[in-house]
Amino acid sequence: LLKENDQSLADYPDISLPDDSILTQISNTVLMQELSYDTQQENETHTELFASMNQDQKMVYHAVLQSVDKQSGQLFFVNAAGGTGKTYLYRTIIAKLRSTNKVVIPVASSGVAAL
């Protein structure tokens, strides 16, 4: 709220400032969580999920992983009716990348998923 109003704790001299090391720790929470995944468990999850994917899911899966491997930064838009396996596909890709120590932070920019 302070940042939204162009203010900081430094604007309030009666309040002591937090220790810098604590601020660094707090700001890296998401990254720390990503780096703490059990890669063996993620690999097992990936193997289970991948085995039951359909051909369309596998096509997208391979395209995304190829983009990651080549660091080409492609943007993928997966559009399909509800219940067709989009979340299943995402979970499989995420598990594969995490099993190889990649940092994956899934986000939704619009629609019901963003809620």
PDB file of N, CA and C in Angstrom:
ATOM      1  N   LEU A   1       0.818  -1.204   0.000  1.00  0.00           N
ATOM      2  CA  LEU A   1       0.000   0.000   0.000  1.00  0.00           C
ATOM      3  C   LEU A   1       0.854   1.256   0.000  1.00  0.00           C
ATOM      4  N   LEU A   2       1.970   1.189   0.711  1.00  0.00           N
ATOM      5  CA  LEU A   2       2.851   2.350   0.719  1.00  0.00           C
ATOM      6  C   LEU A   2       3.396   2.636  -0.677  1.00  0.00           C
ATOM      7  N   LYS A   3       3.835   1.608  -1.368  1.00  0.00           N
ATOM      8  CA  LYS A   3       4.380   1.795  -2.714  1.00  0.00           C
ATOM      9  C   LYS A   3       3.336   2.351  -3.666  1.00  0.00           C
ATOM     10  N   GLU A   4       2.093   1.888  -3.522  1.00  0.00           N
ATOM     11  CA  GLU A   4       1.017   2.376  -4.380  1.00  0.00           C
ATOM     12  C   GLU A   4       0.793   3.873  -4.196  1.00  0.00           C
ATOM     13  N   ASN A   5       1.143   4.381  -3.011  1.00  0.00           N
ATOM     14  CA  ASN A   5       0.967   5.802  -2.710  1.00  0.00           C
ATOM     15  C   ASN A   5       2.284   6.565  -2.712  1.00  0.00           C
ATOM     16  N   ASP A   6       3.282   6.005  -3.414  1.00  0.00           N
ATOM     17  CA  ASP A   6       4.607   6.626  -3.524  1.00  0.00           C
ATOM     18  C   ASP A   6       5.205   6.977  -2.168  1.00  0.00           C
ATOM     19  N   GLN A   7       5.098   6.054  -1.239  1.00  0.00           N
ATOM     20  CA  GLN A   7       5.661   6.240   0.097  1.00  0.00           C
ATOM     21  C   GLN A   7       6.452   4.996   0.485  1.00  0.00           C
ATOM     22  N   SER A   8       7.209   5.127   1.577  1.00  0.00           N
ATOM     23  CA  SER A   8       7.928   3.979   2.128  1.00  0.00           C
ATOM     24  C   SER A   8       7.961   4.118   3.644  1.00  0.00           C
ATOM     25  N   LEU A   9       8.467   3.102   4.320  1.00  0.00           N
ATOM     26  CA  LEU A   9       8.587   3.167   5.778  1.00  0.00           C
ATOM     27  C   LEU A   9       9.525   4.293   6.216  1.00  0.00           C
ATOM     28  N   ALA A  10      10.449   4.657   5.361  1.00  0.00           N
ATOM     29  CA  ALA A  10      11.389   5.741   5.679  1.00  0.00           C
ATOM     30  C   ALA A  10      10.662   7.074   5.857  1.00  0.00           C
ATOM     31  N   ASP A  11       9.459   7.190   5.300  1.00  0.00           N
ATOM     32  CA  ASP A  11       8.669   8.417   5.456  1.00  0.00           C
ATOM     33  C   ASP A  11       8.061   8.548   6.849  1.00  0.00           C
ATOM     34  N   TYR A  12       8.205   7.522   7.664  1.00  0.00           N
ATOM     35  CA  TYR A  12       7.624   7.509   9.012  1.00  0.00           C
ATOM     36  C   TYR A  12       8.725   7.257  10.028  1.00  0.00           C
ATOM     37  N   PRO A  13       9.341   8.318  10.539  1.00  0.00           N
ATOM     38  CA  PRO A  13      10.510   8.180  11.409  1.00  0.00           C
ATOM     39  C   PRO A  13      10.230   7.444  12.727  1.00  0.00           C
ATOM     40  N   ASP A  14       8.991   7.394  13.168  1.00  0.00           N
ATOM     41  CA  ASP A  14       8.673   6.713  14.427  1.00  0.00           C
ATOM     42  C   ASP A  14       8.650   5.187  14.282  1.00  0.00           C
ATOM     43  N   ILE A  15       8.674   4.706  13.049  1.00  0.00           N
ATOM     44  CA  ILE A  15       8.652   3.269  12.799  1.00  0.00           C
ATOM     45  C   ILE A  15      10.062   2.827  12.416  1.00  0.00           C
ATOM     46  N   SER A  16      10.561   1.795  13.127  1.00  0.00           N
ATOM     47  CA  SER A  16      11.913   1.311  12.807  1.00  0.00           C
ATOM     48  C   SER A  16      11.886   0.525  11.497  1.00  0.00           C
ATOM     49  N   LEU A  17      12.955   0.636  10.749  1.00  0.00           N
ATOM     50  CA  LEU A  17      13.070  -0.054   9.465  1.00  0.00           C
ATOM     51  C   LEU A  17      13.476  -1.508   9.682  1.00  0.00           C
ATOM     52  N   PRO A  18      12.956  -2.425   8.879  1.00  0.00           N
ATOM     53  CA  PRO A  18      13.345  -3.838   9.015  1.00  0.00           C
ATOM     54  C   PRO A  18      14.784  -4.067   8.573  1.00  0.00           C
ATOM     55  N   ASP A  19      15.349  -5.129   9.082  1.00  0.00           N
ATOM     56  CA  ASP A  19      16.711  -5.523   8.735  1.00  0.00           C
ATOM     57  C   ASP A  19      16.763  -5.889   7.244  1.00  0.00           C
ATOM     58  N   ASP A  20      17.797  -5.406   6.537  1.00  0.00           N
ATOM     59  CA  ASP A  20      17.935  -5.667   5.095  1.00  0.00           C
ATOM     60  C   ASP A  20      17.955  -7.155   4.769  1.00  0.00           C
ATOM     61  N   SER A  21      18.553  -7.964   5.636  1.00  0.00           N
ATOM     62  CA  SER A  21      18.625  -9.401   5.353  1.00  0.00           C
ATOM     63  C   SER A  21      17.230 -10.027   5.355  1.00  0.00           C
ATOM     64  N   ILE A  22      16.350  -9.531   6.201  1.00  0.00           N
ATOM     65  CA  ILE A  22      14.974 -10.030   6.226  1.00  0.00           C
ATOM     66  C   ILE A  22      14.259  -9.645   4.938  1.00  0.00           C
ATOM     67  N   LEU A  23      14.463  -8.420   4.476  1.00  0.00           N
ATOM     68  CA  LEU A  23      13.836  -7.984   3.232  1.00  0.00           C
ATOM     69  C   LEU A  23      14.303  -8.825   2.048  1.00  0.00           C
ATOM     70  N   THR A  24      15.587  -9.145   2.018  1.00  0.00           N
ATOM     71  CA  THR A  24      16.128  -9.975   0.950  1.00  0.00           C
ATOM     72  C   THR A  24      15.499 -11.357   0.997  1.00  0.00           C
ATOM     73  N   GLN A  25      15.366 -11.897   2.209  1.00  0.00           N
ATOM     74  CA  GLN A  25      14.763 -13.220   2.384  1.00  0.00           C
ATOM     75  C   GLN A  25      13.316 -13.221   1.907  1.00  0.00           C
ATOM     76  N   ILE A  26      12.565 -12.214   2.264  1.00  0.00           N
ATOM     77  CA  ILE A  26      11.155 -12.130   1.891  1.00  0.00           C
ATOM     78  C   ILE A  26      11.013 -11.995   0.379  1.00  0.00           C
ATOM     79  N   SER A  27      11.830 -11.182  -0.252  1.00  0.00           N
ATOM     80  CA  SER A  27      11.702 -10.957  -1.689  1.00  0.00           C
ATOM     81  C   SER A  27      12.080 -12.187  -2.504  1.00  0.00           C
ATOM     82  N   ASN A  28      12.830 -13.094  -1.929  1.00  0.00           N
ATOM     83  CA  ASN A  28      13.250 -14.299  -2.647  1.00  0.00           C
ATOM     84  C   ASN A  28      12.405 -15.522  -2.296  1.00  0.00           C
ATOM     85  N   THR A  29      11.274 -15.322  -1.630  1.00  0.00           N
ATOM     86  CA  THR A  29      10.456 -16.444  -1.180  1.00  0.00           C
ATOM     87  C   THR A  29       9.991 -17.314  -2.339  1.00  0.00           C
ATOM     88  N   VAL A  30       9.493 -16.710  -3.399  1.00  0.00           N
ATOM     89  CA  VAL A  30       9.005 -17.490  -4.539  1.00  0.00           C
ATOM     90  C   VAL A  30      10.146 -18.267  -5.174  1.00  0.00           C
ATOM     91  N   LEU A  31      11.277 -17.623  -5.351  1.00  0.00           N
ATOM     92  CA  LEU A  31      12.429 -18.300  -5.936  1.00  0.00           C
ATOM     93  C   LEU A  31      12.900 -19.435  -5.033  1.00  0.00           C
ATOM     94  N   MET A  32      12.956 -19.194  -3.743  1.00  0.00           N
ATOM     95  CA  MET A  32      13.385 -20.228  -2.805  1.00  0.00           C
ATOM     96  C   MET A  32      12.442 -21.425  -2.856  1.00  0.00           C
ATOM     97  N   GLN A  33      11.151 -21.158  -2.963  1.00  0.00           N
ATOM     98  CA  GLN A  33      10.174 -22.237  -3.054  1.00  0.00           C
ATOM     99  C   GLN A  33      10.404 -23.050  -4.335  1.00  0.00           C
ATOM    100  N   GLU A  34      10.670 -22.362  -5.432  1.00  0.00           N
ATOM    101  CA  GLU A  34      10.916 -23.047  -6.701  1.00  0.00           C
ATOM    102  C   GLU A  34      12.168 -23.916  -6.642  1.00  0.00           C
ATOM    103  N   LEU A  35      13.181 -23.447  -5.959  1.00  0.00           N
ATOM    104  CA  LEU A  35      14.438 -24.189  -5.902  1.00  0.00           C
ATOM    105  C   LEU A  35      14.394 -25.349  -4.910  1.00  0.00           C
ATOM    106  N   SER A  36      13.326 -25.432  -4.127  1.00  0.00           N
ATOM    107  CA  SER A  36      13.252 -26.476  -3.104  1.00  0.00           C
ATOM    108  C   SER A  36      12.443 -27.697  -3.538  1.00  0.00           C
ATOM    109  N   TYR A  37      11.992 -27.748  -4.788  1.00  0.00           N
ATOM    110  CA  TYR A  37      11.238 -28.907  -5.257  1.00  0.00           C
ATOM    111  C   TYR A  37      12.116 -30.147  -5.281  1.00  0.00           C
ATOM    112  N   ASP A  38      11.515 -31.285  -4.956  1.00  0.00           N
ATOM    113  CA  ASP A  38      12.184 -32.575  -5.013  1.00  0.00           C
ATOM    114  C   ASP A  38      12.195 -33.028  -6.470  1.00  0.00           C
ATOM    115  N   THR A  39      13.348 -32.957  -7.116  1.00  0.00           N
ATOM    116  CA  THR A  39      13.417 -33.251  -8.552  1.00  0.00           C
ATOM    117  C   THR A  39      13.060 -34.704  -8.856  1.00  0.00           C
ATOM    118  N   GLN A  40      13.387 -35.611  -7.952  1.00  0.00           N
ATOM    119  CA  GLN A  40      13.034 -37.025  -8.164  1.00  0.00           C
ATOM    120  C   GLN A  40      11.515 -37.196  -8.156  1.00  0.00           C
ATOM    121  N   GLN A  41      10.850 -36.558  -7.219  1.00  0.00           N
ATOM    122  CA  GLN A  41       9.390 -36.641  -7.143  1.00  0.00           C
ATOM    123  C   GLN A  41       8.755 -35.992  -8.371  1.00  0.00           C
ATOM    124  N   GLU A  42       9.294 -34.855  -8.793  1.00  0.00           N
ATOM    125  CA  GLU A  42       8.770 -34.177  -9.980  1.00  0.00           C
ATOM    126  C   GLU A  42       8.959 -35.049 -11.226  1.00  0.00           C
ATOM    127  N   ASN A  43      10.078 -35.768 -11.298  1.00  0.00           N
ATOM    128  CA  ASN A  43      10.317 -36.663 -12.423  1.00  0.00           C
ATOM    129  C   ASN A  43       9.307 -37.810 -12.434  1.00  0.00           C
ATOM    130  N   GLU A  44       8.998 -38.350 -11.260  1.00  0.00           N
ATOM    131  CA  GLU A  44       7.999 -39.411 -11.164  1.00  0.00           C
ATOM    132  C   GLU A  44       6.616 -38.890 -11.554  1.00  0.00           C
ATOM    133  N   THR A  45       6.292 -37.687 -11.100  1.00  0.00           N
ATOM    134  CA  THR A  45       5.011 -37.073 -11.453  1.00  0.00           C
ATOM    135  C   THR A  45       4.928 -36.881 -12.963  1.00  0.00           C
ATOM    136  N   HIS A  46       6.005 -36.360 -13.540  1.00  0.00           N
ATOM    137  CA  HIS A  46       6.054 -36.140 -14.983  1.00  0.00           C
ATOM    138  C   HIS A  46       5.840 -37.443 -15.743  1.00  0.00           C
ATOM    139  N   THR A  47       6.515 -38.500 -15.328  1.00  0.00           N
ATOM    140  CA  THR A  47       6.415 -39.788 -16.013  1.00  0.00           C
ATOM    141  C   THR A  47       4.982 -40.307 -15.999  1.00  0.00           C
ATOM    142  N   GLU A  48       4.334 -40.195 -14.852  1.00  0.00           N
ATOM    143  CA  GLU A  48       2.940 -40.641 -14.730  1.00  0.00           C
ATOM    144  C   GLU A  48       2.012 -39.815 -15.627  1.00  0.00           C
ATOM    145  N   LEU A  49       2.183 -38.504 -15.607  1.00  0.00           N
ATOM    146  CA  LEU A  49       1.318 -37.631 -16.388  1.00  0.00           C
ATOM    147  C   LEU A  49       1.546 -37.814 -17.888  1.00  0.00           C
ATOM    148  N   PHE A  50       2.808 -37.865 -18.287  1.00  0.00           N
ATOM    149  CA  PHE A  50       3.134 -37.949 -19.714  1.00  0.00           C
ATOM    150  C   PHE A  50       2.564 -39.215 -20.343  1.00  0.00           C
ATOM    151  N   ALA A  51       2.566 -40.305 -19.601  1.00  0.00           N
ATOM    152  CA  ALA A  51       2.126 -41.598 -20.135  1.00  0.00           C
ATOM    153  C   ALA A  51       0.690 -41.575 -20.644  1.00  0.00           C
ATOM    154  N   SER A  52      -0.145 -40.725 -20.058  1.00  0.00           N
ATOM    155  CA  SER A  52      -1.555 -40.748 -20.472  1.00  0.00           C
ATOM    156  C   SER A  52      -1.977 -39.504 -21.262  1.00  0.00           C
ATOM    157  N   MET A  53      -1.002 -38.773 -21.783  1.00  0.00           N
ATOM    158  CA  MET A  53      -1.345 -37.619 -22.614  1.00  0.00           C
ATOM    159  C   MET A  53      -1.775 -38.077 -24.006  1.00  0.00           C
ATOM    160  N   ASN A  54      -2.672 -37.301 -24.633  1.00  0.00           N
ATOM    161  CA  ASN A  54      -3.067 -37.628 -26.003  1.00  0.00           C
ATOM    162  C   ASN A  54      -2.087 -36.994 -26.997  1.00  0.00           C
ATOM    163  N   GLN A  55      -2.260 -37.273 -28.262  1.00  0.00           N
ATOM    164  CA  GLN A  55      -1.315 -36.806 -29.289  1.00  0.00           C
ATOM    165  C   GLN A  55      -1.250 -35.286 -29.378  1.00  0.00           C
ATOM    166  N   ASP A  56      -2.386 -34.606 -29.276  1.00  0.00           N
ATOM    167  CA  ASP A  56      -2.384 -33.140 -29.339  1.00  0.00           C
ATOM    168  C   ASP A  56      -1.616 -32.550 -28.163  1.00  0.00           C
ATOM    169  N   GLN A  57      -1.825 -33.104 -26.976  1.00  0.00           N
ATOM    170  CA  GLN A  57      -1.097 -32.636 -25.796  1.00  0.00           C
ATOM    171  C   GLN A  57       0.401 -32.857 -25.967  1.00  0.00           C
ATOM    172  N   LYS A  58       0.770 -34.034 -26.483  1.00  0.00           N
ATOM    173  CA  LYS A  58       2.192 -34.336 -26.674  1.00  0.00           C
ATOM    174  C   LYS A  58       2.840 -33.408 -27.702  1.00  0.00           C
ATOM    175  N   MET A  59       2.066 -33.012 -28.714  1.00  0.00           N
ATOM    176  CA  MET A  59       2.593 -32.107 -29.723  1.00  0.00           C
ATOM    177  C   MET A  59       2.937 -30.749 -29.084  1.00  0.00           C
ATOM    178  N   VAL A  60       2.032 -30.224 -28.279  1.00  0.00           N
ATOM    179  CA  VAL A  60       2.275 -28.953 -27.592  1.00  0.00           C
ATOM    180  C   VAL A  60       3.416 -29.115 -26.595  1.00  0.00           C
ATOM    181  N   TYR A  61       3.400 -30.193 -25.845  1.00  0.00           N
ATOM    182  CA  TYR A  61       4.434 -30.493 -24.855  1.00  0.00           C
ATOM    183  C   TYR A  61       5.827 -30.440 -25.486  1.00  0.00           C
ATOM    184  N   HIS A  62       6.001 -31.144 -26.585  1.00  0.00           N
ATOM    185  CA  HIS A  62       7.313 -31.181 -27.249  1.00  0.00           C
ATOM    186  C   HIS A  62       7.706 -29.809 -27.801  1.00  0.00           C
ATOM    187  N   ALA A  63       6.751 -29.065 -28.317  1.00  0.00           N
ATOM    188  CA  ALA A  63       7.048 -27.731 -28.846  1.00  0.00           C
ATOM    189  C   ALA A  63       7.509 -26.793 -27.729  1.00  0.00           C
ATOM    190  N   VAL A  64       6.840 -26.861 -26.591  1.00  0.00           N
ATOM    191  CA  VAL A  64       7.214 -25.996 -25.464  1.00  0.00           C
ATOM    192  C   VAL A  64       8.601 -26.374 -24.953  1.00  0.00           C
ATOM    193  N   LEU A  65       8.837 -27.663 -24.755  1.00  0.00           N
ATOM    194  CA  LEU A  65      10.145 -28.085 -24.244  1.00  0.00           C
ATOM    195  C   LEU A  65      11.264 -27.765 -25.221  1.00  0.00           C
ATOM    196  N   GLN A  66      10.991 -27.873 -26.506  1.00  0.00           N
ATOM    197  CA  GLN A  66      11.999 -27.519 -27.511  1.00  0.00           C
ATOM    198  C   GLN A  66      12.330 -26.023 -27.412  1.00  0.00           C
ATOM    199  N   SER A  67      11.298 -25.201 -27.214  1.00  0.00           N
ATOM    200  CA  SER A  67      11.520 -23.760 -27.067  1.00  0.00           C
ATOM    201  C   SER A  67      12.364 -23.458 -25.828  1.00  0.00           C
ATOM    202  N   VAL A  68      12.088 -24.167 -24.755  1.00  0.00           N
ATOM    203  CA  VAL A  68      12.865 -23.975 -23.521  1.00  0.00           C
ATOM    204  C   VAL A  68      14.308 -24.417 -23.727  1.00  0.00           C
ATOM    205  N   ASP A  69      14.479 -25.599 -24.308  1.00  0.00           N
ATOM    206  CA  ASP A  69      15.836 -26.131 -24.532  1.00  0.00           C
ATOM    207  C   ASP A  69      16.669 -25.223 -25.430  1.00  0.00           C
ATOM    208  N   LYS A  70      16.042 -24.683 -26.475  1.00  0.00           N
ATOM    209  CA  LYS A  70      16.763 -23.809 -27.414  1.00  0.00           C
ATOM    210  C   LYS A  70      16.785 -22.358 -26.950  1.00  0.00           C
ATOM    211  N   GLN A  71      16.102 -22.075 -25.836  1.00  0.00           N
ATOM    212  CA  GLN A  71      15.990 -20.719 -25.297  1.00  0.00           C
ATOM    213  C   GLN A  71      15.507 -19.742 -26.363  1.00  0.00           C
ATOM    214  N   SER A  72      14.528 -20.192 -27.151  1.00  0.00           N
ATOM    215  CA  SER A  72      14.023 -19.350 -28.230  1.00  0.00           C
ATOM    216  C   SER A  72      12.929 -18.386 -27.775  1.00  0.00           C
ATOM    217  N   GLY A  73      12.406 -18.577 -26.573  1.00  0.00           N
ATOM    218  CA  GLY A  73      11.444 -17.633 -26.014  1.00  0.00           C
ATOM    219  C   GLY A  73      10.126 -17.554 -26.751  1.00  0.00           C
ATOM    220  N   GLN A  74       9.699 -18.659 -27.329  1.00  0.00           N
ATOM    221  CA  GLN A  74       8.432 -18.640 -28.045  1.00  0.00           C
ATOM    222  C   GLN A  74       7.268 -18.468 -27.075  1.00  0.00           C
ATOM    223  N   LEU A  75       6.184 -17.916 -27.580  1.00  0.00           N
ATOM    224  CA  LEU A  75       4.964 -17.739 -26.811  1.00  0.00           C
ATOM    225  C   LEU A  75       3.945 -18.741 -27.329  1.00  0.00           C
ATOM    226  N   PHE A  76       3.327 -19.483 -26.423  1.00  0.00           N
ATOM    227  CA  PHE A  76       2.339 -20.489 -26.812  1.00  0.00           C
ATOM    228  C   PHE A  76       0.996 -20.115 -26.219  1.00  0.00           C
ATOM    229  N   PHE A  77      -0.043 -20.268 -27.002  1.00  0.00           N
ATOM    230  CA  PHE A  77      -1.411 -20.029 -26.557  1.00  0.00           C
ATOM    231  C   PHE A  77      -2.190 -21.308 -26.775  1.00  0.00           C
ATOM    232  N   VAL A  78      -2.601 -21.925 -25.698  1.00  0.00           N
ATOM    233  CA  VAL A  78      -3.353 -23.172 -25.783  1.00  0.00           C
ATOM    234  C   VAL A  78      -4.816 -22.839 -25.549  1.00  0.00           C
ATOM    235  N   ASN A  79      -5.624 -23.072 -26.564  1.00  0.00           N
ATOM    236  CA  ASN A  79      -7.046 -22.735 -26.499  1.00  0.00           C
ATOM    237  C   ASN A  79      -7.856 -23.987 -26.791  1.00  0.00           C
ATOM    238  N   ALA A  80      -8.748 -24.337 -25.870  1.00  0.00           N
ATOM    239  CA  ALA A  80      -9.611 -25.501 -26.066  1.00  0.00           C
ATOM    240  C   ALA A  80     -10.753 -25.407 -25.074  1.00  0.00           C
ATOM    241  N   ALA A  81     -11.777 -26.175 -25.324  1.00  0.00           N
ATOM    242  CA  ALA A  81     -12.940 -26.189 -24.436  1.00  0.00           C
ATOM    243  C   ALA A  81     -12.559 -26.750 -23.066  1.00  0.00           C
ATOM    244  N   GLY A  82     -13.358 -26.424 -22.079  1.00  0.00           N
ATOM    245  CA  GLY A  82     -13.137 -26.951 -20.741  1.00  0.00           C
ATOM    246  C   GLY A  82     -13.166 -28.468 -20.737  1.00  0.00           C
ATOM    247  N   GLY A  83     -12.296 -29.073 -19.937  1.00  0.00           N
ATOM    248  CA  GLY A  83     -12.284 -30.522 -19.812  1.00  0.00           C
ATOM    249  C   GLY A  83     -11.475 -31.252 -20.866  1.00  0.00           C
ATOM    250  N   THR A  84     -10.715 -30.506 -21.674  1.00  0.00           N
ATOM    251  CA  THR A  84      -9.945 -31.156 -22.743  1.00  0.00           C
ATOM    252  C   THR A  84      -8.494 -31.442 -22.352  1.00  0.00           C
ATOM    253  N   GLY A  85      -8.094 -31.077 -21.149  1.00  0.00           N
ATOM    254  CA  GLY A  85      -6.758 -31.435 -20.675  1.00  0.00           C
ATOM    255  C   GLY A  85      -5.716 -30.346 -20.700  1.00  0.00           C
ATOM    256  N   LYS A  86      -6.136 -29.081 -20.735  1.00  0.00           N
ATOM    257  CA  LYS A  86      -5.148 -27.989 -20.747  1.00  0.00           C
ATOM    258  C   LYS A  86      -4.363 -27.957 -19.439  1.00  0.00           C
ATOM    259  N   THR A  87      -5.058 -28.033 -18.317  1.00  0.00           N
ATOM    260  CA  THR A  87      -4.381 -28.017 -17.020  1.00  0.00           C
ATOM    261  C   THR A  87      -3.486 -29.237 -16.876  1.00  0.00           C
ATOM    262  N   TYR A  88      -3.935 -30.366 -17.352  1.00  0.00           N
ATOM    263  CA  TYR A  88      -3.145 -31.599 -17.333  1.00  0.00           C
ATOM    264  C   TYR A  88      -1.846 -31.395 -18.120  1.00  0.00           C
ATOM    265  N   LEU A  89      -1.952 -30.773 -19.271  1.00  0.00           N
ATOM    266  CA  LEU A  89      -0.787 -30.466 -20.097  1.00  0.00           C
ATOM    267  C   LEU A  89       0.173 -29.548 -19.346  1.00  0.00           C
ATOM    268  N   TYR A  90      -0.368 -28.494 -18.744  1.00  0.00           N
ATOM    269  CA  TYR A  90       0.471 -27.546 -17.999  1.00  0.00           C
ATOM    270  C   TYR A  90       1.188 -28.249 -16.852  1.00  0.00           C
ATOM    271  N   ARG A  91       0.455 -29.067 -16.111  1.00  0.00           N
ATOM    272  CA  ARG A  91       1.057 -29.772 -14.978  1.00  0.00           C
ATOM    273  C   ARG A  91       2.190 -30.689 -15.440  1.00  0.00           C
ATOM    274  N   THR A  92       2.017 -31.323 -16.590  1.00  0.00           N
ATOM    275  CA  THR A  92       3.045 -32.220 -17.122  1.00  0.00           C
ATOM    276  C   THR A  92       4.292 -31.433 -17.522  1.00  0.00           C
ATOM    277  N   ILE A  93       4.104 -30.328 -18.210  1.00  0.00           N
ATOM    278  CA  ILE A  93       5.241 -29.480 -18.614  1.00  0.00           C
ATOM    279  C   ILE A  93       5.965 -28.946 -17.382  1.00  0.00           C
ATOM    280  N   ILE A  94       5.214 -28.461 -16.422  1.00  0.00           N
ATOM    281  CA  ILE A  94       5.813 -27.912 -15.202  1.00  0.00           C
ATOM    282  C   ILE A  94       6.616 -28.981 -14.465  1.00  0.00           C
ATOM    283  N   ALA A  95       6.047 -30.179 -14.323  1.00  0.00           N
ATOM    284  CA  ALA A  95       6.747 -31.265 -13.633  1.00  0.00           C
ATOM    285  C   ALA A  95       8.040 -31.622 -14.356  1.00  0.00           C
ATOM    286  N   LYS A  96       8.004 -31.668 -15.689  1.00  0.00           N
ATOM    287  CA  LYS A  96       9.211 -31.989 -16.460  1.00  0.00           C
ATOM    288  C   LYS A  96      10.293 -30.939 -16.236  1.00  0.00           C
ATOM    289  N   LEU A  97       9.931 -29.671 -16.323  1.00  0.00           N
ATOM    290  CA  LEU A  97      10.918 -28.607 -16.160  1.00  0.00           C
ATOM    291  C   LEU A  97      11.473 -28.571 -14.741  1.00  0.00           C
ATOM    292  N   ARG A  98      10.614 -28.752 -13.756  1.00  0.00           N
ATOM    293  CA  ARG A  98      11.090 -28.765 -12.372  1.00  0.00           C
ATOM    294  C   ARG A  98      11.976 -29.965 -12.099  1.00  0.00           C
ATOM    295  N   SER A  99      11.728 -31.077 -12.782  1.00  0.00           N
ATOM    296  CA  SER A  99      12.554 -32.270 -12.571  1.00  0.00           C
ATOM    297  C   SER A  99      13.972 -32.059 -13.087  1.00  0.00           C
ATOM    298  N   THR A 100      14.158 -31.042 -13.923  1.00  0.00           N
ATOM    299  CA  THR A 100      15.494 -30.718 -14.438  1.00  0.00           C
ATOM    300  C   THR A 100      16.039 -29.430 -13.811  1.00  0.00           C
ATOM    301  N   ASN A 101      15.509 -29.098 -12.625  1.00  0.00           N
ATOM    302  CA  ASN A 101      15.952 -27.930 -11.845  1.00  0.00           C
ATOM    303  C   ASN A 101      15.695 -26.598 -12.521  1.00  0.00           C
ATOM    304  N   LYS A 102      14.706 -26.527 -13.384  1.00  0.00           N
ATOM    305  CA  LYS A 102      14.327 -25.252 -13.992  1.00  0.00           C
ATOM    306  C   LYS A 102      13.346 -24.548 -13.052  1.00  0.00           C
ATOM    307  N   VAL A 103      13.391 -23.228 -13.036  1.00  0.00           N
ATOM    308  CA  VAL A 103      12.454 -22.444 -12.242  1.00  0.00           C
ATOM    309  C   VAL A 103      11.207 -22.210 -13.077  1.00  0.00           C
ATOM    310  N   VAL A 104      10.064 -22.607 -12.535  1.00  0.00           N
ATOM    311  CA  VAL A 104       8.791 -22.484 -13.243  1.00  0.00           C
ATOM    312  C   VAL A 104       7.814 -21.752 -12.336  1.00  0.00           C
ATOM    313  N   ILE A 105       7.322 -20.617 -12.799  1.00  0.00           N
ATOM    314  CA  ILE A 105       6.344 -19.853 -12.032  1.00  0.00           C
ATOM    315  C   ILE A 105       5.107 -19.681 -12.902  1.00  0.00           C
ATOM    316  N   PRO A 106       4.133 -20.573 -12.752  1.00  0.00           N
ATOM    317  CA  PRO A 106       2.932 -20.488 -13.587  1.00  0.00           C
ATOM    318  C   PRO A 106       2.088 -19.265 -13.212  1.00  0.00           C
ATOM    319  N   VAL A 107       1.592 -18.573 -14.223  1.00  0.00           N
ATOM    320  CA  VAL A 107       0.717 -17.420 -13.995  1.00  0.00           C
ATOM    321  C   VAL A 107      -0.414 -17.456 -15.020  1.00  0.00           C
ATOM    322  N   ALA A 108      -1.506 -16.814 -14.675  1.00  0.00           N
ATOM    323  CA  ALA A 108      -2.628 -16.678 -15.604  1.00  0.00           C
ATOM    324  C   ALA A 108      -2.886 -15.202 -15.772  1.00  0.00           C
ATOM    325  N   SER A 109      -2.977 -14.743 -17.005  1.00  0.00           N
ATOM    326  CA  SER A 109      -3.128 -13.314 -17.249  1.00  0.00           C
ATOM    327  C   SER A 109      -4.577 -12.878 -17.436  1.00  0.00           C
ATOM    328  N   SER A 110      -5.449 -13.822 -17.726  1.00  0.00           N
ATOM    329  CA  SER A 110      -6.838 -13.431 -17.946  1.00  0.00           C
ATOM    330  C   SER A 110      -7.758 -14.628 -17.746  1.00  0.00           C
ATOM    331  N   GLY A 111      -9.033 -14.370 -17.779  1.00  0.00           N
ATOM    332  CA  GLY A 111     -10.010 -15.438 -17.695  1.00  0.00           C
ATOM    333  C   GLY A 111     -10.218 -15.947 -16.290  1.00  0.00           C
ATOM    334  N   VAL A 112     -10.944 -17.012 -16.185  1.00  0.00           N
ATOM    335  CA  VAL A 112     -11.288 -17.600 -14.894  1.00  0.00           C
ATOM    336  C   VAL A 112     -10.043 -18.059 -14.149  1.00  0.00           C
ATOM    337  N   ALA A 113      -9.036 -18.562 -14.864  1.00  0.00           N
ATOM    338  CA  ALA A 113      -7.823 -19.053 -14.228  1.00  0.00           C
ATOM    339  C   ALA A 113      -7.120 -17.965 -13.433  1.00  0.00           C
ATOM    340  N   ALA A 114      -7.231 -16.733 -13.864  1.00  0.00           N
ATOM    341  CA  ALA A 114      -6.580 -15.620 -13.160  1.00  0.00           C
ATOM    342  C   ALA A 114      -7.261 -15.315 -11.844  1.00  0.00           C
ATOM    343  N   LEU A 115      -8.520 -15.704 -11.724  1.00  0.00           N
ATOM    344  CA  LEU A 115      -9.240 -15.464 -10.477  1.00  0.00           C
ATOM    345  C   LEU A 115      -8.751 -16.393  -9.402  1.00  0.00           C
TER     346      LEU A 115
END
